[in-house]
Amino acid sequence: MILFAASKLYGTAAAWRRRWYASRPSRRRRLDRPVISVGNLSTGGSGKTPIVAHIAALLASRGERPAILSRGYGRTEPTAGVTIVSDGTTVLAPLDRAGDEPLMLARALPNVPVIVATDRYEAGRVAERTLGATVHVLDDGFQHLGLERDVNLLIASPQDLSDQVLPAGHLREPLTAASFADALLVEGPASALTMKLGVDTAFLISRTLGAPRWLRSGEPASIPTGAAILAVAGIARPDRFFADLEAAHLRPSATLVFRDHHPYSDADIERIARSAHDIVLTTEKDAVRLSARNLGDLRVAAVPLTAAIEPSFAGWLFERIRQASAPGAEQPASGSRHRAAGSRRAT
């Protein structure tokens, strides 16, 4: 009963905040270049980082100079102002000042600037003025209402429909907030989600587990049949990682779970070593944090997760960017007001 009451209060406050920004355009700051926001309603575990990487790579492949703007959640030594994790050429910030996800993105996309700041408007200004950004990808931006966006993408899943608002559930906002999205990104059938969430456009996403790579060398890791595998995960949904390993015939003989963004200590490494048998398999996000520690003789391999969006998404996205970039174009208040029903196609 207490949790239900707290969830109702939290949801009411979140809805009021969104309405407040929607009714006050002057409170939403706009960057010179288009902004693509990628976010979700739930608190993590949606595979958002691989999707951000996919969109940034898609933009770069079409001749754009994308910059990823992140708040750098989980940094152990956050700095005031803007931190350039990567300038699109060199990784410049260590883990403690970058955060695990921004550093992972910087390493995976060596030609894409990654900038971290609590104020992502200021991060975008740096990206435009000093790094030549032509478009921004706002990581985890659905609730970052102070920055105007031109494309508002929401990662959604059927589990969202039966979830509750914090603290009773995992939703950051009531489901009604989804109608502020321009498109949903979903796994599996989209019709039920588009109808329930009030969004006409949806694109299918796919997730693929890659081949493991040794943490020390980055070389492909050959996992012998019958090897005793310890799976280690400090992410929002470790069960999903373990299930992916099973599906890839990399069945763990044991698992070890840490909280999301957990900063691994020497004691944690000792605990892993005591639990390990032949090989430790972990996520790329965990690998960023584990590689900062002395792993001793542990044989640790990271298993990459990549995401892709159905081919029709690219044309839709670039048309939105073209419209936003056209001289004298009236900028849409994406993510800040409702669209008329039927104004977007459903896929």
Protein backbone atom coordinates (compact mmCIF):
# COMPACT_ATOMS: atom_id res chain seq x y z
CA MET A 1 0.00 0.00 0.00
CA ILE A 2 2.82 2.40 0.85
CA LEU A 3 4.65 1.57 -2.38
CA PHE A 4 1.48 2.08 -4.40
CA ALA A 5 0.93 5.50 -2.83
CA ALA A 6 4.56 6.45 -3.41
CA SER A 7 4.34 5.35 -7.06
CA LYS A 8 1.21 7.43 -7.58
CA LEU A 9 2.94 10.48 -6.09
CA TYR A 10 6.08 9.90 -8.19
CA GLY A 11 4.04 9.42 -11.38
CA THR A 12 2.01 12.56 -10.73
CA ALA A 13 5.19 14.59 -10.22
CA ALA A 14 6.76 13.20 -13.41
CA ALA A 15 3.63 13.97 -15.44
CA TRP A 16 3.47 17.50 -14.01
CA ARG A 17 7.12 18.08 -14.91
CA ARG A 18 6.55 17.00 -18.52
CA ARG A 19 3.45 19.21 -18.83
CA TRP A 20 5.38 22.14 -17.35
CA TYR A 21 8.09 21.92 -20.02
CA ALA A 22 5.52 21.28 -22.77
CA SER A 23 3.68 24.49 -21.92
CA ARG A 24 6.83 26.63 -21.65
CA PRO A 25 8.81 26.50 -24.91
CA SER A 26 11.14 29.22 -23.65
CA ARG A 27 12.45 26.83 -20.99
CA ARG A 28 13.63 24.35 -23.64
CA ARG A 29 17.00 25.29 -25.09
CA ARG A 30 17.81 24.47 -28.72
CA LEU A 31 21.18 23.65 -30.21
CA ASP A 32 22.14 24.81 -33.69
CA ARG A 33 22.32 21.26 -35.05
CA PRO A 34 19.57 18.61 -34.99
CA VAL A 35 19.19 16.50 -31.85
CA ILE A 36 18.15 12.83 -31.89
CA SER A 37 17.08 11.59 -28.47
CA VAL A 38 17.20 7.89 -27.55
CA GLY A 39 15.56 6.92 -24.29
CA ASN A 40 13.10 4.69 -22.50
CA LEU A 41 10.48 4.72 -19.80
CA SER A 42 12.09 2.06 -17.63
CA THR A 43 15.18 2.28 -15.46
CA GLY A 44 17.78 0.54 -17.59
CA GLY A 45 18.18 -2.87 -19.13
CA SER A 46 16.62 -1.95 -22.49
CA GLY A 47 19.78 -2.27 -24.57
CA LYS A 48 19.90 1.48 -25.09
CA THR A 49 23.69 1.83 -25.44
CA PRO A 50 24.01 -0.55 -28.43
CA ILE A 51 21.15 1.30 -30.14
CA VAL A 52 22.86 4.66 -29.55
CA ALA A 53 26.02 3.17 -31.07
CA HIS A 54 24.07 1.86 -34.07
CA ILE A 55 22.42 5.24 -34.75
CA ALA A 56 25.72 7.13 -34.39
CA ALA A 57 27.42 4.70 -36.79
CA LEU A 58 24.52 5.05 -39.25
CA LEU A 59 24.83 8.83 -39.17
CA ALA A 60 28.60 8.69 -39.68
CA SER A 61 28.20 6.30 -42.62
CA ARG A 62 25.99 8.89 -44.35
CA GLY A 63 28.57 11.66 -44.05
CA GLU A 64 27.33 13.28 -40.84
CA ARG A 65 29.57 14.18 -37.91
CA PRO A 66 27.51 12.86 -34.97
CA ALA A 67 28.34 13.66 -31.36
CA ILE A 68 27.01 11.52 -28.51
CA LEU A 69 25.86 13.56 -25.50
CA SER A 70 25.67 11.64 -22.22
CA ARG A 71 25.22 12.57 -18.59
CA GLY A 72 27.88 10.02 -17.60
CA TYR A 73 25.87 8.31 -14.89
CA GLY A 74 27.99 6.27 -12.48
CA ARG A 75 31.17 8.36 -12.74
CA THR A 76 33.23 8.02 -9.57
CA GLU A 77 35.05 11.34 -10.15
CA PRO A 78 32.62 13.64 -11.94
CA THR A 79 33.99 17.02 -12.94
CA ALA A 80 32.17 20.32 -13.23
CA GLY A 81 31.24 21.45 -16.70
CA VAL A 82 31.85 19.44 -19.86
CA THR A 83 34.11 16.38 -20.14
CA ILE A 84 35.23 15.35 -23.64
CA VAL A 85 35.53 11.58 -23.40
CA SER A 86 36.54 11.34 -27.07
CA ASP A 87 37.12 14.05 -29.67
CA GLY A 88 36.43 11.61 -32.48
CA THR A 89 40.10 10.79 -32.83
CA THR A 90 41.43 9.99 -29.36
CA VAL A 91 39.92 8.79 -26.11
CA LEU A 92 40.76 11.56 -23.67
CA ALA A 93 39.05 10.74 -20.35
CA PRO A 94 39.60 7.75 -18.02
CA LEU A 95 36.82 5.61 -16.61
CA ASP A 96 36.33 7.54 -13.38
CA ARG A 97 35.67 10.82 -15.24
CA ALA A 98 33.92 9.35 -18.29
CA GLY A 99 31.59 6.70 -16.90
CA ASP A 100 31.41 3.14 -18.19
CA GLU A 101 28.85 3.58 -20.99
CA PRO A 102 30.41 6.74 -22.51
CA LEU A 103 33.85 5.14 -22.42
CA MET A 104 32.47 1.99 -24.02
CA LEU A 105 30.89 4.10 -26.79
CA ALA A 106 34.11 6.06 -27.29
CA ARG A 107 36.11 2.86 -27.74
CA ALA A 108 33.53 1.27 -30.03
CA LEU A 109 33.17 4.39 -32.23
CA PRO A 110 36.65 5.87 -32.62
CA ASN A 111 35.49 8.47 -35.17
CA VAL A 112 32.55 9.78 -33.08
CA PRO A 113 32.97 12.44 -30.37
CA VAL A 114 31.51 11.47 -26.98
CA ILE A 115 30.85 14.25 -24.49
CA VAL A 116 29.67 13.98 -20.89
CA ALA A 117 27.96 16.69 -18.85
CA THR A 118 25.02 17.15 -16.53
CA ASP A 119 23.99 20.06 -18.78
CA ARG A 120 23.80 18.44 -22.18
CA TYR A 121 23.01 21.74 -23.87
CA GLU A 122 26.48 22.92 -22.91
CA ALA A 123 27.89 19.56 -24.05
CA GLY A 124 26.25 20.10 -27.43
CA ARG A 125 27.64 23.62 -27.74
CA VAL A 126 31.15 22.26 -27.19
CA ALA A 127 30.50 19.54 -29.76
CA GLU A 128 29.35 22.09 -32.33
CA ARG A 129 31.95 24.78 -31.70
CA THR A 130 35.10 22.73 -31.17
CA LEU A 131 34.43 19.25 -32.57
CA GLY A 132 32.48 20.04 -35.74
CA ALA A 133 29.30 18.13 -34.84
CA THR A 134 26.56 18.25 -37.48
CA VAL A 135 24.03 16.23 -35.47
CA HIS A 136 23.69 15.12 -31.85
CA VAL A 137 22.63 11.78 -30.37
CA LEU A 138 21.23 12.36 -26.91
CA ASP A 139 21.88 9.22 -24.87
CA ASP A 140 19.13 8.42 -22.36
CA GLY A 141 17.35 11.63 -23.27
CA PHE A 142 13.61 10.95 -23.03
CA GLN A 143 13.35 12.58 -19.60
CA HIS A 144 15.92 15.31 -20.36
CA LEU A 145 13.20 17.83 -21.14
CA GLY A 146 15.26 21.02 -20.92
CA LEU A 147 16.92 20.31 -24.29
CA GLU A 148 14.82 20.54 -27.43
CA ARG A 149 15.06 17.61 -29.79
CA ASP A 150 14.11 17.07 -33.43
CA VAL A 151 13.68 13.28 -33.25
CA ASN A 152 12.42 11.65 -30.07
CA LEU A 153 12.95 7.86 -30.04
CA LEU A 154 11.57 5.66 -27.29
CA ILE A 155 12.74 2.08 -26.72
CA ALA A 156 9.73 0.12 -25.53
CA SER A 157 8.91 -3.46 -24.64
CA PRO A 158 5.73 -5.38 -23.78
CA GLN A 159 6.96 -5.56 -20.16
CA ASP A 160 6.47 -1.79 -19.90
CA LEU A 161 2.72 -2.24 -20.31
CA SER A 162 2.39 -4.25 -17.10
CA ASP A 163 4.99 -2.35 -15.09
CA GLN A 164 4.43 0.35 -12.48
CA VAL A 165 6.04 3.69 -11.79
CA LEU A 166 8.89 3.89 -9.29
CA PRO A 167 9.30 2.80 -6.53
CA ALA A 168 6.76 -0.02 -6.92
CA GLY A 169 8.00 -0.78 -10.44
CA HIS A 170 10.68 0.29 -12.90
CA LEU A 171 8.96 3.06 -14.88
CA ARG A 172 10.36 6.58 -14.62
CA GLU A 173 7.08 8.06 -15.91
CA PRO A 174 3.51 6.91 -16.48
CA LEU A 175 2.85 5.16 -19.80
CA THR A 176 1.02 8.25 -21.06
CA ALA A 177 4.41 9.96 -21.50
CA ALA A 178 5.16 7.61 -24.42
CA SER A 179 2.83 9.62 -26.68
CA PHE A 180 5.47 12.37 -26.76
CA ALA A 181 7.76 10.08 -28.78
CA ASP A 182 8.07 10.38 -32.56
CA ALA A 183 8.71 6.64 -32.94
CA LEU A 184 9.04 3.50 -30.88
CA LEU A 185 11.96 1.10 -31.17
CA VAL A 186 10.76 -2.37 -30.28
CA GLU A 187 11.70 -6.03 -30.33
CA GLY A 188 9.01 -8.29 -31.73
CA PRO A 189 5.43 -7.39 -32.74
CA ALA A 190 4.82 -3.65 -32.50
CA SER A 191 1.06 -3.32 -33.06
CA ALA A 192 0.04 -3.78 -29.42
CA LEU A 193 2.66 -1.32 -28.21
CA THR A 194 1.80 1.39 -30.75
CA MET A 195 -1.87 1.15 -29.85
CA LYS A 196 -1.39 1.07 -26.08
CA LEU A 197 1.27 3.80 -26.01
CA GLY A 198 -0.36 6.13 -28.52
CA VAL A 199 2.52 6.27 -31.00
CA ASP A 200 1.82 5.61 -34.68
CA THR A 201 5.35 4.82 -35.85
CA ALA A 202 7.46 1.88 -34.73
CA PHE A 203 10.64 0.25 -36.00
CA LEU A 204 11.86 -3.22 -35.16
CA ILE A 205 15.21 -3.65 -33.46
CA SER A 206 17.36 -6.76 -33.29
CA ARG A 207 20.09 -7.68 -30.85
CA THR A 208 23.05 -9.91 -31.67
CA LEU A 209 25.60 -11.38 -29.29
CA GLY A 210 29.07 -11.29 -30.82
CA ALA A 211 32.07 -13.55 -30.40
CA PRO A 212 33.93 -13.22 -27.07
CA ARG A 213 37.22 -11.31 -27.00
CA TRP A 214 39.97 -11.51 -24.39
CA LEU A 215 40.10 -8.46 -22.18
CA ARG A 216 43.88 -8.13 -22.24
CA SER A 217 44.60 -8.55 -25.95
CA GLY A 218 41.28 -7.84 -27.63
CA GLU A 219 41.82 -10.98 -29.68
CA PRO A 220 38.99 -13.49 -30.33
CA ALA A 221 38.56 -15.92 -27.47
CA SER A 222 38.15 -19.56 -28.33
CA ILE A 223 35.95 -21.21 -25.69
CA PRO A 224 36.63 -24.96 -25.50
CA THR A 225 33.62 -27.25 -25.40
CA GLY A 226 32.90 -28.22 -21.83
CA ALA A 227 34.86 -25.30 -20.33
CA ALA A 228 33.69 -24.22 -16.89
CA ILE A 229 32.38 -20.69 -17.47
CA LEU A 230 31.70 -18.08 -14.81
CA ALA A 231 29.39 -15.35 -16.13
CA VAL A 232 29.82 -11.99 -14.39
CA ALA A 233 27.38 -9.09 -14.87
CA GLY A 234 26.96 -5.74 -13.19
CA ILE A 235 24.14 -4.41 -15.37
CA ALA A 236 20.46 -3.59 -14.93
CA ARG A 237 19.21 -6.90 -16.31
CA PRO A 238 21.86 -9.58 -15.80
CA ASP A 239 19.35 -12.34 -16.47
CA ARG A 240 19.10 -11.17 -20.07
CA PHE A 241 22.88 -11.49 -20.52
CA PHE A 242 22.88 -14.97 -19.01
CA ALA A 243 20.00 -16.03 -21.29
CA ASP A 244 21.88 -14.67 -24.31
CA LEU A 245 24.91 -16.75 -23.36
CA GLU A 246 22.73 -19.85 -23.10
CA ALA A 247 21.24 -19.16 -26.53
CA ALA A 248 24.76 -18.78 -27.97
CA HIS A 249 25.76 -22.17 -26.51
CA LEU A 250 28.07 -20.50 -23.98
CA ARG A 251 26.31 -22.03 -20.99
CA PRO A 252 27.67 -20.72 -17.67
CA SER A 253 28.36 -23.22 -14.93
CA ALA A 254 27.99 -20.37 -12.41
CA THR A 255 26.93 -16.72 -12.38
CA LEU A 256 27.91 -13.73 -10.30
CA VAL A 257 25.77 -10.58 -10.17
CA PHE A 258 26.73 -7.05 -9.15
CA ARG A 259 24.58 -3.92 -9.20
CA ASP A 260 24.39 -1.77 -12.32
CA HIS A 261 27.47 0.47 -12.85
CA HIS A 262 29.22 -1.28 -9.95
CA PRO A 263 32.79 0.05 -9.53
CA TYR A 264 34.80 -3.15 -9.19
CA SER A 265 37.26 -3.27 -6.29
CA ASP A 266 40.22 -5.53 -5.59
CA ALA A 267 37.99 -7.44 -3.18
CA ASP A 268 35.51 -8.03 -6.02
CA ILE A 269 38.31 -9.36 -8.24
CA GLU A 270 39.32 -11.75 -5.45
CA ARG A 271 35.72 -12.90 -5.14
CA ILE A 272 35.54 -13.52 -8.90
CA ALA A 273 38.84 -15.40 -8.78
CA ARG A 274 37.54 -17.64 -5.98
CA SER A 275 34.41 -18.40 -8.04
CA ALA A 276 36.09 -18.84 -11.42
CA HIS A 277 36.93 -22.15 -13.02
CA ASP A 278 38.34 -21.92 -16.54
CA ILE A 279 37.00 -18.72 -18.12
CA VAL A 280 35.11 -15.59 -17.04
CA LEU A 281 32.63 -14.15 -19.54
CA THR A 282 31.27 -10.67 -18.98
CA THR A 283 29.52 -7.82 -20.79
CA GLU A 284 31.34 -5.06 -22.66
CA LYS A 285 30.05 -2.56 -20.10
CA ASP A 286 31.50 -4.62 -17.26
CA ALA A 287 34.70 -5.12 -19.23
CA VAL A 288 35.29 -1.36 -19.24
CA ARG A 289 35.23 -1.37 -15.43
CA LEU A 290 37.04 -4.65 -14.94
CA SER A 291 39.90 -3.66 -17.25
CA ALA A 292 40.74 -0.82 -14.86
CA ARG A 293 41.67 -3.39 -12.17
CA ASN A 294 44.54 -5.85 -11.83
CA LEU A 295 42.99 -9.14 -12.93
CA GLY A 296 46.01 -11.27 -12.15
CA ASP A 297 45.78 -14.66 -13.83
CA LEU A 298 42.05 -14.46 -14.51
CA ARG A 299 41.10 -15.37 -18.08
CA VAL A 300 38.36 -12.83 -18.80
CA ALA A 301 36.60 -12.35 -22.12
CA ALA A 302 34.01 -9.72 -23.02
CA VAL A 303 30.97 -10.69 -25.07
CA PRO A 304 29.84 -7.77 -27.26
CA LEU A 305 26.20 -6.97 -27.87
CA THR A 306 25.24 -5.16 -31.05
CA ALA A 307 21.88 -3.76 -32.08
CA ALA A 308 20.35 -2.92 -35.43
CA ILE A 309 17.15 -1.20 -36.55
CA GLU A 310 15.15 -2.32 -39.56
CA PRO A 311 16.32 -0.80 -42.90
CA SER A 312 13.32 1.53 -43.34
CA PHE A 313 14.41 3.46 -40.25
CA ALA A 314 17.35 5.10 -42.03
CA GLY A 315 15.20 6.82 -44.65
CA TRP A 316 12.71 7.99 -42.04
CA LEU A 317 15.48 9.35 -39.78
CA PHE A 318 17.36 11.22 -42.51
CA GLU A 319 14.17 12.81 -43.77
CA ARG A 320 13.55 14.14 -40.27
CA ILE A 321 17.10 15.47 -40.10
CA ARG A 322 16.76 17.06 -43.53
CA GLN A 323 13.59 18.84 -42.48
CA ALA A 324 15.18 20.06 -39.26
CA SER A 325 18.28 21.31 -41.09
CA ALA A 326 16.45 23.09 -43.93
CA PRO A 327 17.09 26.88 -43.97
CA GLY A 328 14.16 28.71 -42.45
CA ALA A 329 12.42 25.49 -41.47
CA GLU A 330 10.01 25.74 -38.57
CA GLN A 331 11.51 23.57 -35.86
CA PRO A 332 9.12 20.98 -34.42
CA ALA A 333 8.81 20.76 -30.66
CA SER A 334 9.62 17.07 -30.66
CA GLY A 335 9.25 15.44 -27.29
CA SER A 336 7.53 18.52 -25.95
CA ARG A 337 3.97 18.29 -27.27
CA HIS A 338 1.56 15.69 -28.57
CA ARG A 339 1.29 14.98 -32.30
CA ALA A 340 -2.03 14.77 -34.07
CA ALA A 341 -3.26 11.21 -34.36
CA GLY A 342 -2.44 9.60 -37.67
CA SER A 343 0.38 12.02 -38.51
CA ARG A 344 2.96 9.21 -38.52
CA ARG A 345 2.97 5.88 -40.24
CA ALA A 346 3.03 2.60 -38.36
CA THR A 347 5.41 -0.16 -39.31
